[in-house]
């Protein structure tokens, strides 16, 4: 059962809500996917049932093709945001963590080819393993955060929030023009290059700047 936690493993007094995500927010990932940019942001939602604890382990679907890692900075929202401006967004942030936007890549590709929505490739049960959160007041420069993912001790993804196409507060403000964000909702801020398949038994290490390093394992 998922519950928002601090990195000290203390419960955060917020409900578990939806996850609102942005795609194509790092140019290097857009290039590796051979995709193109558009003026409008690409937003999508994972349901609350996608949330699971990142550690000590998490499971991936079987018999549905490759499950790809997409490492992202996660933002926990503490107050309601509807058509919010930049300053209001900043006041509504509880803290920052890391998430894996797990993606059934072959399922997604097939649905894209058919011109159909691809929620089942992104929003399945357990599709968002999530770390604990660092309180906002401990993060002086959220737009200058290094983060990385290693798989079996091999560096796979490395990014810095300074390289986002849309900065954290900007993208949350834009999201709130379409979707009201509620206390306990989580925002995922996009993935850098390095997405790839995960296998049962893989050992993952996720790091967020100097704030934390988490080791976890992939199970069936």
N, C-alpha and C. Protein backbone atom coordinates (compact mmCIF):
# COMPACT_ATOMS: atom_id res chain seq x y z
N UNK A 1 0.85 -1.20 0.00
CA UNK A 1 0.00 0.00 0.00
C UNK A 1 0.89 1.25 0.00
N UNK A 2 0.62 2.15 -0.93
CA UNK A 2 1.46 3.34 -1.04
C UNK A 2 0.98 4.45 -0.11
N UNK A 3 1.95 5.16 0.49
CA UNK A 3 1.69 6.36 1.28
C UNK A 3 2.84 7.33 1.03
N UNK A 4 2.54 8.61 0.84
CA UNK A 4 3.61 9.60 0.70
C UNK A 4 4.46 9.62 1.96
N UNK A 5 5.78 9.58 1.77
CA UNK A 5 6.72 9.55 2.89
C UNK A 5 7.83 10.56 2.68
N UNK A 6 8.43 10.98 3.79
CA UNK A 6 9.68 11.73 3.71
C UNK A 6 10.82 10.75 3.49
N UNK A 7 12.02 11.27 3.22
CA UNK A 7 13.17 10.39 3.08
C UNK A 7 13.56 9.74 4.40
N UNK A 8 13.04 10.28 5.51
CA UNK A 8 13.26 9.66 6.83
C UNK A 8 12.19 8.62 7.13
N UNK A 9 11.38 8.29 6.13
CA UNK A 9 10.35 7.26 6.25
C UNK A 9 9.21 7.65 7.19
N UNK A 10 8.95 8.95 7.26
CA UNK A 10 7.85 9.48 8.07
C UNK A 10 6.67 9.79 7.17
N UNK A 11 5.47 9.41 7.58
CA UNK A 11 4.28 9.69 6.79
C UNK A 11 4.09 11.19 6.58
N UNK A 12 3.71 11.55 5.36
CA UNK A 12 3.33 12.92 5.05
C UNK A 12 1.81 12.99 5.07
N UNK A 13 1.28 13.97 5.78
CA UNK A 13 -0.18 14.04 6.01
C UNK A 13 -0.90 14.60 4.78
N UNK A 14 -0.78 13.87 3.68
CA UNK A 14 -1.48 14.22 2.44
C UNK A 14 -2.08 12.94 1.86
N UNK A 15 -3.25 13.03 1.23
CA UNK A 15 -3.83 11.85 0.60
C UNK A 15 -3.01 11.43 -0.62
N UNK A 16 -3.28 10.24 -1.12
CA UNK A 16 -2.63 9.76 -2.34
C UNK A 16 -3.53 10.10 -3.52
N UNK A 17 -3.01 10.92 -4.41
CA UNK A 17 -3.82 11.39 -5.54
C UNK A 17 -3.29 10.89 -6.87
N UNK A 18 -3.67 11.59 -7.92
CA UNK A 18 -3.26 11.24 -9.28
C UNK A 18 -1.83 11.71 -9.53
N UNK A 19 -1.29 11.23 -10.65
CA UNK A 19 0.04 11.64 -11.10
C UNK A 19 -0.13 12.33 -12.45
N UNK A 20 0.27 13.57 -12.55
CA UNK A 20 0.17 14.31 -13.81
C UNK A 20 1.58 14.47 -14.36
N UNK A 21 1.75 14.08 -15.63
CA UNK A 21 3.09 13.95 -16.22
C UNK A 21 3.22 14.84 -17.45
N UNK A 22 4.46 15.20 -17.74
CA UNK A 22 4.76 15.88 -19.00
C UNK A 22 5.71 15.00 -19.80
N UNK A 23 5.41 14.84 -21.09
CA UNK A 23 6.31 14.15 -21.99
C UNK A 23 7.17 15.15 -22.75
N UNK A 24 8.27 14.67 -23.29
CA UNK A 24 9.11 15.49 -24.17
C UNK A 24 9.54 16.80 -23.51
N UNK A 25 10.16 16.68 -22.33
CA UNK A 25 10.62 17.89 -21.64
C UNK A 25 12.13 18.00 -21.57
N UNK A 26 12.84 17.05 -22.20
CA UNK A 26 14.29 17.12 -22.34
C UNK A 26 14.63 16.84 -23.80
N UNK A 27 15.43 17.73 -24.39
CA UNK A 27 15.70 17.63 -25.82
C UNK A 27 16.42 16.34 -26.16
N UNK A 28 17.33 15.85 -25.30
CA UNK A 28 18.07 14.64 -25.63
C UNK A 28 17.16 13.41 -25.69
N UNK A 29 16.12 13.39 -24.85
CA UNK A 29 15.17 12.27 -24.91
C UNK A 29 14.31 12.35 -26.17
N UNK A 30 13.91 13.56 -26.55
CA UNK A 30 13.14 13.73 -27.79
C UNK A 30 13.95 13.19 -28.97
N UNK A 31 15.26 13.47 -28.97
CA UNK A 31 16.12 13.01 -30.06
C UNK A 31 16.25 11.49 -30.06
N UNK A 32 16.44 10.88 -28.89
CA UNK A 32 16.63 9.43 -28.86
C UNK A 32 15.35 8.68 -29.27
N UNK A 33 14.20 9.29 -29.05
CA UNK A 33 12.94 8.66 -29.45
C UNK A 33 12.56 9.00 -30.89
N UNK A 34 13.44 9.77 -31.59
CA UNK A 34 13.20 10.18 -32.97
C UNK A 34 11.83 10.85 -33.10
N UNK A 35 11.55 11.70 -32.13
CA UNK A 35 10.28 12.40 -32.09
C UNK A 35 10.47 13.86 -32.48
N UNK A 36 9.41 14.60 -32.51
CA UNK A 36 9.47 16.01 -32.83
C UNK A 36 8.78 16.81 -31.73
N UNK A 37 9.21 18.04 -31.57
CA UNK A 37 8.62 18.90 -30.55
C UNK A 37 7.41 19.63 -31.13
N UNK A 38 6.54 20.04 -30.24
CA UNK A 38 5.37 20.84 -30.62
C UNK A 38 5.29 22.02 -29.65
N UNK A 39 4.65 23.11 -30.08
CA UNK A 39 4.54 24.25 -29.17
C UNK A 39 3.77 23.92 -27.90
N UNK A 40 2.79 23.04 -28.02
CA UNK A 40 1.96 22.70 -26.87
C UNK A 40 2.63 21.59 -26.06
N UNK A 41 2.52 21.69 -24.74
CA UNK A 41 3.05 20.65 -23.87
C UNK A 41 2.25 19.36 -24.02
N UNK A 42 2.95 18.23 -23.86
CA UNK A 42 2.31 16.92 -23.91
C UNK A 42 2.08 16.44 -22.48
N UNK A 43 0.83 16.51 -22.01
CA UNK A 43 0.49 16.09 -20.66
C UNK A 43 -0.30 14.79 -20.69
N UNK A 44 -0.10 13.97 -19.67
CA UNK A 44 -0.92 12.76 -19.50
C UNK A 44 -0.99 12.44 -18.02
N UNK A 45 -1.90 11.53 -17.66
CA UNK A 45 -2.18 11.25 -16.24
C UNK A 45 -2.02 9.76 -15.96
N UNK A 46 -1.42 9.47 -14.83
CA UNK A 46 -1.43 8.12 -14.26
C UNK A 46 -2.38 8.15 -13.06
N UNK A 47 -3.19 7.11 -12.87
CA UNK A 47 -4.09 7.10 -11.71
C UNK A 47 -3.32 6.82 -10.42
N UNK A 48 -3.98 7.07 -9.30
CA UNK A 48 -3.38 6.83 -8.00
C UNK A 48 -2.93 5.38 -7.84
N UNK A 49 -3.62 4.46 -8.51
CA UNK A 49 -3.27 3.04 -8.42
C UNK A 49 -1.94 2.71 -9.09
N UNK A 50 -1.38 3.66 -9.84
CA UNK A 50 -0.05 3.44 -10.43
C UNK A 50 1.06 3.62 -9.40
N UNK A 51 0.77 4.30 -8.29
CA UNK A 51 1.79 4.61 -7.30
C UNK A 51 2.13 3.40 -6.43
N UNK A 52 3.43 3.13 -6.34
CA UNK A 52 3.95 2.10 -5.45
C UNK A 52 5.27 2.62 -4.87
N UNK A 53 5.67 2.09 -3.70
CA UNK A 53 6.98 2.49 -3.17
C UNK A 53 8.11 2.05 -4.11
N UNK A 54 9.09 2.90 -4.27
CA UNK A 54 10.24 2.58 -5.11
C UNK A 54 11.10 1.48 -4.50
N UNK A 55 11.31 1.54 -3.21
CA UNK A 55 12.18 0.59 -2.52
C UNK A 55 11.39 -0.12 -1.42
N UNK A 56 11.84 -1.34 -1.04
CA UNK A 56 13.07 -2.03 -1.42
C UNK A 56 12.99 -2.77 -2.76
N UNK A 57 11.79 -2.86 -3.34
CA UNK A 57 11.64 -3.52 -4.63
C UNK A 57 10.33 -3.08 -5.25
N UNK A 58 10.22 -3.29 -6.55
CA UNK A 58 8.96 -3.07 -7.25
C UNK A 58 8.86 -4.08 -8.38
N UNK A 59 7.65 -4.35 -8.82
CA UNK A 59 7.43 -5.36 -9.85
C UNK A 59 7.12 -4.72 -11.18
N UNK A 60 7.37 -5.48 -12.25
CA UNK A 60 7.04 -5.03 -13.60
C UNK A 60 6.12 -6.05 -14.26
N UNK A 61 5.28 -5.62 -15.20
CA UNK A 61 4.38 -6.56 -15.87
C UNK A 61 5.14 -7.60 -16.66
N UNK A 62 4.53 -8.75 -16.80
CA UNK A 62 5.10 -9.84 -17.60
C UNK A 62 4.24 -10.06 -18.85
N UNK A 63 4.85 -10.59 -19.88
CA UNK A 63 4.13 -11.00 -21.10
C UNK A 63 3.48 -9.83 -21.84
N UNK A 64 3.99 -8.61 -21.63
CA UNK A 64 3.43 -7.46 -22.36
C UNK A 64 4.52 -6.68 -23.09
N UNK A 65 5.63 -7.34 -23.33
CA UNK A 65 6.73 -6.67 -24.01
C UNK A 65 7.62 -5.92 -23.04
N UNK A 66 8.52 -5.14 -23.60
CA UNK A 66 9.52 -4.45 -22.79
C UNK A 66 8.90 -3.39 -21.89
N UNK A 67 9.42 -3.33 -20.66
CA UNK A 67 9.06 -2.28 -19.70
C UNK A 67 10.27 -1.36 -19.59
N UNK A 68 10.13 -0.12 -20.01
CA UNK A 68 11.25 0.81 -20.02
C UNK A 68 11.26 1.70 -18.78
N UNK A 69 12.46 1.99 -18.31
CA UNK A 69 12.66 3.01 -17.26
C UNK A 69 12.59 4.40 -17.89
N UNK A 70 11.95 5.31 -17.17
CA UNK A 70 12.02 6.74 -17.48
C UNK A 70 12.16 7.46 -16.14
N UNK A 71 13.37 7.86 -15.81
CA UNK A 71 13.66 8.50 -14.52
C UNK A 71 13.23 9.96 -14.56
N UNK A 72 12.51 10.40 -13.52
CA UNK A 72 12.00 11.77 -13.50
C UNK A 72 12.04 12.37 -12.10
N UNK A 73 12.25 13.67 -12.03
CA UNK A 73 12.06 14.39 -10.77
C UNK A 73 10.56 14.48 -10.51
N UNK A 74 10.16 14.12 -9.30
CA UNK A 74 8.75 14.15 -8.91
C UNK A 74 8.52 15.31 -7.94
N UNK A 75 7.36 15.93 -8.05
CA UNK A 75 7.00 17.07 -7.20
C UNK A 75 5.70 16.74 -6.48
N UNK A 76 5.71 16.84 -5.16
CA UNK A 76 4.51 16.57 -4.37
C UNK A 76 3.76 17.87 -4.12
N UNK A 77 2.48 17.89 -4.45
CA UNK A 77 1.64 19.08 -4.31
C UNK A 77 0.90 19.04 -2.97
N UNK A 78 0.88 20.18 -2.27
CA UNK A 78 0.26 20.21 -0.94
C UNK A 78 -1.02 21.04 -0.88
N UNK A 79 -1.30 21.82 -1.92
CA UNK A 79 -2.53 22.62 -1.91
C UNK A 79 -3.10 22.74 -3.32
N UNK A 80 -4.37 23.06 -3.39
CA UNK A 80 -5.11 23.06 -4.65
C UNK A 80 -4.55 24.09 -5.63
N UNK A 81 -4.41 23.66 -6.88
CA UNK A 81 -3.95 24.56 -7.94
C UNK A 81 -4.92 24.46 -9.12
N UNK A 82 -5.51 25.58 -9.47
CA UNK A 82 -6.40 25.64 -10.63
C UNK A 82 -6.11 26.94 -11.37
N UNK A 83 -5.65 26.80 -12.61
CA UNK A 83 -5.28 27.98 -13.42
C UNK A 83 -4.34 28.88 -12.62
N UNK A 84 -3.30 28.26 -12.09
CA UNK A 84 -2.39 28.93 -11.15
C UNK A 84 -1.27 29.66 -11.88
N UNK A 85 -0.82 30.75 -11.27
CA UNK A 85 0.35 31.44 -11.80
C UNK A 85 1.61 30.90 -11.12
N UNK A 86 2.75 31.40 -11.58
CA UNK A 86 4.06 30.89 -11.14
C UNK A 86 4.22 30.97 -9.62
N UNK A 87 3.90 32.10 -9.03
CA UNK A 87 4.09 32.28 -7.58
C UNK A 87 3.18 31.35 -6.78
N UNK A 88 1.95 31.18 -7.24
CA UNK A 88 1.02 30.29 -6.54
C UNK A 88 1.52 28.85 -6.58
N UNK A 89 2.08 28.46 -7.72
CA UNK A 89 2.64 27.11 -7.85
C UNK A 89 3.73 26.89 -6.82
N UNK A 90 4.62 27.83 -6.70
CA UNK A 90 5.74 27.68 -5.77
C UNK A 90 5.25 27.46 -4.34
N UNK A 91 4.22 28.17 -3.95
CA UNK A 91 3.68 28.04 -2.59
C UNK A 91 2.99 26.69 -2.37
N UNK A 92 2.58 26.04 -3.45
CA UNK A 92 1.80 24.81 -3.34
C UNK A 92 2.66 23.54 -3.36
N UNK A 93 3.97 23.69 -3.47
CA UNK A 93 4.86 22.53 -3.53
C UNK A 93 5.25 22.08 -2.13
N UNK A 94 5.08 20.78 -1.84
CA UNK A 94 5.54 20.22 -0.56
C UNK A 94 7.02 19.86 -0.63
N UNK A 95 7.40 19.19 -1.71
CA UNK A 95 8.79 18.77 -1.81
C UNK A 95 9.07 18.02 -3.09
N UNK A 96 10.30 17.46 -3.16
CA UNK A 96 10.81 16.86 -4.39
C UNK A 96 11.33 15.46 -4.13
N UNK A 97 11.13 14.58 -5.11
CA UNK A 97 11.64 13.21 -5.03
C UNK A 97 11.98 12.71 -6.42
N UNK A 98 12.08 11.39 -6.55
CA UNK A 98 12.34 10.75 -7.84
C UNK A 98 11.29 9.69 -8.10
N UNK A 99 10.96 9.52 -9.36
CA UNK A 99 9.99 8.51 -9.78
C UNK A 99 10.49 7.82 -11.04
N UNK A 100 9.99 6.61 -11.25
CA UNK A 100 10.15 5.93 -12.52
C UNK A 100 8.81 5.93 -13.24
N UNK A 101 8.78 6.56 -14.40
CA UNK A 101 7.60 6.53 -15.26
C UNK A 101 7.73 5.26 -16.10
N UNK A 102 7.32 4.12 -15.53
CA UNK A 102 7.45 2.85 -16.25
C UNK A 102 6.54 2.85 -17.47
N UNK A 103 7.07 2.36 -18.57
CA UNK A 103 6.36 2.42 -19.85
C UNK A 103 6.43 1.08 -20.57
N UNK A 104 5.28 0.54 -20.93
CA UNK A 104 5.21 -0.63 -21.80
C UNK A 104 5.46 -0.14 -23.23
N UNK A 105 6.73 -0.18 -23.65
CA UNK A 105 7.12 0.53 -24.86
C UNK A 105 6.48 -0.04 -26.12
N UNK A 106 6.42 -1.36 -26.24
CA UNK A 106 5.84 -1.93 -27.45
C UNK A 106 4.32 -1.72 -27.49
N UNK A 107 3.69 -1.79 -26.33
CA UNK A 107 2.26 -1.50 -26.25
C UNK A 107 2.01 -0.05 -26.66
N UNK A 108 2.83 0.86 -26.14
CA UNK A 108 2.68 2.28 -26.48
C UNK A 108 2.85 2.50 -27.98
N UNK A 109 3.88 1.88 -28.57
CA UNK A 109 4.14 2.08 -30.00
C UNK A 109 2.98 1.59 -30.85
N UNK A 110 2.42 0.44 -30.47
CA UNK A 110 1.29 -0.10 -31.23
C UNK A 110 0.08 0.83 -31.15
N UNK A 111 -0.20 1.32 -29.94
CA UNK A 111 -1.34 2.22 -29.77
C UNK A 111 -1.14 3.54 -30.53
N UNK A 112 0.09 4.04 -30.52
CA UNK A 112 0.39 5.26 -31.28
C UNK A 112 0.12 5.04 -32.77
N UNK A 113 0.57 3.89 -33.28
CA UNK A 113 0.37 3.59 -34.71
C UNK A 113 -1.10 3.53 -35.06
N UNK A 114 -1.91 3.08 -34.10
CA UNK A 114 -3.36 2.97 -34.33
C UNK A 114 -4.09 4.29 -34.06
N UNK A 115 -3.34 5.31 -33.62
CA UNK A 115 -3.96 6.58 -33.30
C UNK A 115 -4.85 6.53 -32.08
N UNK A 116 -4.56 5.60 -31.18
CA UNK A 116 -5.38 5.41 -29.99
C UNK A 116 -4.65 5.93 -28.76
N UNK A 117 -5.38 6.29 -27.69
CA UNK A 117 -4.74 6.71 -26.45
C UNK A 117 -3.85 5.59 -25.90
N UNK A 118 -2.80 5.98 -25.18
CA UNK A 118 -1.86 4.96 -24.69
C UNK A 118 -1.77 4.90 -23.17
N UNK A 119 -2.89 5.16 -22.49
CA UNK A 119 -2.90 5.08 -21.03
C UNK A 119 -2.48 3.71 -20.50
N UNK A 120 -2.89 2.63 -21.17
CA UNK A 120 -2.56 1.32 -20.62
C UNK A 120 -1.06 1.04 -20.68
N UNK A 121 -0.32 1.79 -21.49
CA UNK A 121 1.14 1.64 -21.54
C UNK A 121 1.83 2.46 -20.46
N UNK A 122 1.11 3.40 -19.86
CA UNK A 122 1.70 4.32 -18.90
C UNK A 122 1.03 4.31 -17.53
N UNK A 123 -0.23 3.87 -17.47
CA UNK A 123 -1.01 4.03 -16.24
C UNK A 123 -1.41 2.74 -15.58
N UNK A 124 -0.77 1.63 -15.94
CA UNK A 124 -1.11 0.34 -15.35
C UNK A 124 -0.76 0.32 -13.86
N UNK A 125 -1.32 -0.63 -13.13
CA UNK A 125 -1.02 -0.76 -11.70
C UNK A 125 0.49 -0.89 -11.50
N UNK A 126 1.03 -0.06 -10.61
CA UNK A 126 2.46 -0.11 -10.31
C UNK A 126 3.34 0.61 -11.30
N UNK A 127 2.76 1.43 -12.17
CA UNK A 127 3.52 2.09 -13.24
C UNK A 127 4.31 3.31 -12.77
N UNK A 128 4.23 3.63 -11.47
CA UNK A 128 4.94 4.82 -10.97
C UNK A 128 5.60 4.54 -9.62
N UNK A 129 6.69 3.77 -9.59
CA UNK A 129 7.46 3.63 -8.34
C UNK A 129 8.03 4.99 -7.93
N UNK A 130 7.84 5.33 -6.66
CA UNK A 130 8.11 6.68 -6.19
C UNK A 130 8.93 6.66 -4.91
N UNK A 131 9.92 7.53 -4.84
CA UNK A 131 10.76 7.67 -3.64
C UNK A 131 10.03 8.47 -2.57
N UNK A 132 10.67 8.60 -1.42
CA UNK A 132 10.25 9.59 -0.44
C UNK A 132 10.57 10.99 -0.95
N UNK A 133 10.09 12.00 -0.22
CA UNK A 133 10.24 13.38 -0.67
C UNK A 133 11.12 14.20 0.27
N UNK A 134 11.90 15.09 -0.33
CA UNK A 134 12.70 16.07 0.39
C UNK A 134 11.87 17.34 0.52
N UNK A 135 11.67 17.87 1.74
CA UNK A 135 10.87 19.09 1.88
C UNK A 135 11.42 20.25 1.05
N UNK A 136 10.52 21.04 0.51
CA UNK A 136 10.90 22.15 -0.37
C UNK A 136 11.91 23.08 0.28
N UNK A 137 11.76 23.35 1.58
CA UNK A 137 12.66 24.31 2.22
C UNK A 137 14.10 23.82 2.33
N UNK A 138 14.34 22.55 2.01
CA UNK A 138 15.70 22.01 2.02
C UNK A 138 16.34 22.05 0.63
N UNK A 139 15.56 22.40 -0.38
CA UNK A 139 16.04 22.40 -1.76
C UNK A 139 16.14 23.84 -2.24
N UNK A 140 17.34 24.38 -2.17
CA UNK A 140 17.51 25.81 -2.49
C UNK A 140 17.35 26.09 -3.98
N UNK A 141 17.79 25.17 -4.83
CA UNK A 141 17.79 25.43 -6.26
C UNK A 141 17.16 24.24 -7.01
N UNK A 142 15.84 24.12 -6.96
CA UNK A 142 15.19 22.97 -7.61
C UNK A 142 15.40 22.93 -9.12
N UNK A 143 15.76 24.06 -9.71
CA UNK A 143 15.98 24.08 -11.15
C UNK A 143 17.44 23.85 -11.51
N UNK A 144 18.21 23.32 -10.53
CA UNK A 144 19.62 22.98 -10.78
C UNK A 144 19.97 21.65 -10.13
N UNK A 145 19.07 20.67 -10.24
CA UNK A 145 19.24 19.39 -9.56
C UNK A 145 19.79 18.33 -10.50
N UNK A 146 20.92 17.74 -10.12
CA UNK A 146 21.42 16.55 -10.81
C UNK A 146 20.62 15.34 -10.35
N UNK A 147 20.36 14.42 -11.28
CA UNK A 147 19.71 13.17 -10.90
C UNK A 147 20.17 12.08 -11.86
N UNK A 148 20.17 10.83 -11.39
CA UNK A 148 20.72 9.76 -12.21
C UNK A 148 20.11 8.41 -11.84
N UNK A 149 20.22 7.48 -12.79
CA UNK A 149 19.78 6.10 -12.62
C UNK A 149 20.89 5.18 -13.11
N UNK A 150 21.30 4.25 -12.25
CA UNK A 150 22.21 3.18 -12.66
C UNK A 150 21.48 1.86 -12.58
N UNK A 151 21.72 0.99 -13.57
CA UNK A 151 21.13 -0.34 -13.62
C UNK A 151 22.26 -1.35 -13.58
N UNK A 152 22.27 -2.16 -12.53
CA UNK A 152 23.35 -3.14 -12.33
C UNK A 152 24.72 -2.48 -12.39
N UNK A 153 24.81 -1.33 -11.70
CA UNK A 153 26.04 -0.55 -11.54
C UNK A 153 26.52 0.11 -12.82
N UNK A 154 25.68 0.12 -13.85
CA UNK A 154 26.01 0.81 -15.09
C UNK A 154 25.11 2.05 -15.23
N UNK A 155 25.74 3.22 -15.36
CA UNK A 155 24.97 4.45 -15.48
C UNK A 155 24.10 4.40 -16.73
N UNK A 156 22.79 4.61 -16.56
CA UNK A 156 21.87 4.55 -17.70
C UNK A 156 21.25 5.90 -18.01
N UNK A 157 20.84 6.65 -17.01
CA UNK A 157 20.26 7.98 -17.23
C UNK A 157 20.91 8.99 -16.31
N UNK A 158 21.15 10.16 -16.84
CA UNK A 158 21.74 11.25 -16.06
C UNK A 158 21.19 12.56 -16.59
N UNK A 159 20.70 13.40 -15.70
CA UNK A 159 20.13 14.66 -16.14
C UNK A 159 20.30 15.74 -15.11
N UNK A 160 19.91 16.94 -15.48
CA UNK A 160 19.88 18.07 -14.57
C UNK A 160 18.63 18.88 -14.90
N UNK A 161 17.92 19.28 -13.86
CA UNK A 161 16.65 19.98 -14.07
C UNK A 161 16.84 21.30 -14.81
N UNK A 162 18.06 21.82 -14.86
CA UNK A 162 18.32 23.05 -15.62
C UNK A 162 18.08 22.84 -17.11
N UNK A 163 18.11 21.58 -17.56
CA UNK A 163 17.96 21.29 -18.98
C UNK A 163 16.51 21.03 -19.41
N UNK A 164 15.57 21.21 -18.49
CA UNK A 164 14.17 21.05 -18.87
C UNK A 164 13.77 22.10 -19.91
N UNK A 165 12.96 21.70 -20.86
CA UNK A 165 12.41 22.67 -21.82
C UNK A 165 11.45 23.61 -21.11
N UNK A 166 10.58 23.04 -20.29
CA UNK A 166 9.71 23.83 -19.42
C UNK A 166 10.16 23.60 -17.98
N UNK A 167 10.47 24.68 -17.26
CA UNK A 167 10.88 24.56 -15.87
C UNK A 167 9.75 24.04 -14.99
N UNK A 168 10.10 23.63 -13.78
CA UNK A 168 9.14 22.96 -12.90
C UNK A 168 7.90 23.82 -12.65
N UNK A 169 8.09 25.04 -12.21
CA UNK A 169 6.93 25.88 -11.90
C UNK A 169 6.13 26.23 -13.15
N UNK A 170 6.83 26.43 -14.26
CA UNK A 170 6.12 26.74 -15.50
C UNK A 170 5.25 25.58 -15.94
N UNK A 171 5.79 24.37 -15.92
CA UNK A 171 5.00 23.23 -16.41
C UNK A 171 3.83 22.93 -15.49
N UNK A 172 4.02 23.13 -14.17
CA UNK A 172 2.90 22.90 -13.25
C UNK A 172 1.82 23.96 -13.47
N UNK A 173 2.23 25.20 -13.70
CA UNK A 173 1.26 26.25 -14.00
C UNK A 173 0.46 25.90 -15.25
N UNK A 174 1.15 25.42 -16.29
CA UNK A 174 0.47 25.04 -17.53
C UNK A 174 -0.46 23.86 -17.29
N UNK A 175 -0.01 22.87 -16.52
CA UNK A 175 -0.87 21.73 -16.20
C UNK A 175 -2.17 22.19 -15.55
N UNK A 176 -2.04 23.15 -14.63
CA UNK A 176 -3.20 23.59 -13.85
C UNK A 176 -4.22 24.35 -14.68
N UNK A 177 -3.84 24.73 -15.90
CA UNK A 177 -4.82 25.35 -16.80
C UNK A 177 -5.80 24.31 -17.32
N UNK A 178 -5.40 23.03 -17.31
CA UNK A 178 -6.22 21.94 -17.85
C UNK A 178 -6.76 21.03 -16.77
N UNK A 179 -5.91 20.71 -15.78
CA UNK A 179 -6.26 19.77 -14.72
C UNK A 179 -6.08 20.46 -13.37
N UNK A 180 -7.12 20.49 -12.55
CA UNK A 180 -6.95 21.00 -11.20
C UNK A 180 -6.10 20.00 -10.42
N UNK A 181 -5.03 20.51 -9.82
CA UNK A 181 -4.16 19.68 -8.98
C UNK A 181 -4.62 19.81 -7.54
N UNK A 182 -4.68 18.69 -6.85
CA UNK A 182 -5.20 18.64 -5.49
C UNK A 182 -4.10 18.22 -4.51
N UNK A 183 -4.29 18.51 -3.22
CA UNK A 183 -3.31 18.06 -2.23
C UNK A 183 -3.07 16.56 -2.34
N UNK A 184 -1.81 16.16 -2.40
CA UNK A 184 -1.46 14.76 -2.53
C UNK A 184 -1.22 14.30 -3.95
N UNK A 185 -1.52 15.15 -4.94
CA UNK A 185 -1.17 14.83 -6.32
C UNK A 185 0.34 14.93 -6.50
N UNK A 186 0.85 14.20 -7.48
CA UNK A 186 2.27 14.21 -7.81
C UNK A 186 2.44 14.64 -9.26
N UNK A 187 3.43 15.47 -9.50
CA UNK A 187 3.75 15.91 -10.86
C UNK A 187 5.09 15.29 -11.26
N UNK A 188 5.13 14.65 -12.43
CA UNK A 188 6.38 14.16 -13.00
C UNK A 188 6.83 15.14 -14.08
N UNK A 189 8.13 15.42 -14.11
CA UNK A 189 8.64 16.58 -14.84
C UNK A 189 9.40 16.25 -16.12
N UNK A 190 9.35 15.00 -16.56
CA UNK A 190 10.00 14.62 -17.80
C UNK A 190 11.29 13.84 -17.57
N UNK A 191 11.70 13.10 -18.60
CA UNK A 191 12.88 12.22 -18.49
C UNK A 191 13.95 12.63 -19.48
N UNK A 192 15.22 12.53 -19.08
CA UNK A 192 16.32 12.75 -20.03
C UNK A 192 16.58 11.47 -20.84
N UNK A 193 17.55 11.53 -21.71
CA UNK A 193 17.89 10.38 -22.53
C UNK A 193 18.36 9.20 -21.68
N UNK A 194 18.26 8.00 -22.26
CA UNK A 194 18.76 6.81 -21.58
C UNK A 194 17.68 5.81 -21.22
N UNK A 195 16.48 5.96 -21.77
CA UNK A 195 15.42 5.00 -21.46
C UNK A 195 15.79 3.65 -22.06
N UNK A 196 15.34 2.59 -21.40
CA UNK A 196 15.66 1.26 -21.89
C UNK A 196 14.94 0.20 -21.09
N UNK A 197 15.02 -1.06 -21.52
CA UNK A 197 14.25 -2.12 -20.87
C UNK A 197 14.81 -2.52 -19.52
N UNK A 198 13.90 -2.85 -18.61
CA UNK A 198 14.24 -3.41 -17.31
C UNK A 198 13.94 -4.91 -17.32
N UNK A 199 14.72 -5.65 -16.54
CA UNK A 199 14.54 -7.09 -16.44
C UNK A 199 14.36 -7.48 -14.98
N UNK A 200 13.64 -8.57 -14.76
CA UNK A 200 13.54 -9.12 -13.41
C UNK A 200 14.93 -9.39 -12.86
N UNK A 201 15.18 -8.95 -11.63
CA UNK A 201 16.48 -9.14 -11.00
C UNK A 201 17.41 -7.96 -11.12
N UNK A 202 17.09 -7.00 -12.00
CA UNK A 202 17.93 -5.80 -12.11
C UNK A 202 18.00 -5.07 -10.77
N UNK A 203 19.18 -4.56 -10.45
CA UNK A 203 19.38 -3.74 -9.26
C UNK A 203 19.57 -2.30 -9.72
N UNK A 204 18.74 -1.41 -9.22
CA UNK A 204 18.74 -0.01 -9.64
C UNK A 204 19.20 0.89 -8.50
N UNK A 205 19.98 1.90 -8.85
CA UNK A 205 20.36 2.95 -7.90
C UNK A 205 19.93 4.29 -8.48
N UNK A 206 19.12 5.02 -7.70
CA UNK A 206 18.62 6.32 -8.12
C UNK A 206 19.17 7.37 -7.17
N UNK A 207 19.69 8.46 -7.74
CA UNK A 207 20.29 9.51 -6.93
C UNK A 207 19.68 10.87 -7.30
N UNK A 208 19.41 11.66 -6.27
CA UNK A 208 18.95 13.04 -6.45
C UNK A 208 19.94 13.97 -5.78
N UNK A 209 20.80 14.59 -6.61
CA UNK A 209 21.80 15.53 -6.13
C UNK A 209 22.51 14.98 -4.89
N UNK A 210 22.66 15.82 -3.86
CA UNK A 210 23.28 15.36 -2.61
C UNK A 210 22.24 14.95 -1.59
N UNK A 211 20.99 14.83 -2.01
CA UNK A 211 19.91 14.58 -1.05
C UNK A 211 19.74 13.11 -0.70
N UNK A 212 19.80 12.24 -1.70
CA UNK A 212 19.65 10.83 -1.37
C UNK A 212 20.11 9.94 -2.52
N UNK A 213 20.41 8.70 -2.16
CA UNK A 213 20.68 7.62 -3.09
C UNK A 213 19.88 6.42 -2.61
N UNK A 214 19.10 5.83 -3.53
CA UNK A 214 18.22 4.70 -3.19
C UNK A 214 18.58 3.53 -4.07
N UNK A 215 18.71 2.35 -3.46
CA UNK A 215 18.92 1.12 -4.21
C UNK A 215 17.68 0.26 -4.08
N UNK A 216 17.24 -0.28 -5.22
CA UNK A 216 16.03 -1.10 -5.24
C UNK A 216 16.22 -2.22 -6.26
N UNK A 217 15.28 -3.15 -6.30
CA UNK A 217 15.39 -4.29 -7.20
C UNK A 217 14.09 -4.50 -7.96
N UNK A 218 14.22 -4.96 -9.21
CA UNK A 218 13.07 -5.25 -10.04
C UNK A 218 12.65 -6.69 -9.82
N UNK A 219 11.36 -6.91 -9.56
CA UNK A 219 10.83 -8.25 -9.39
C UNK A 219 9.73 -8.50 -10.42
N UNK A 220 9.30 -9.76 -10.51
CA UNK A 220 8.24 -10.11 -11.46
C UNK A 220 6.89 -9.78 -10.87
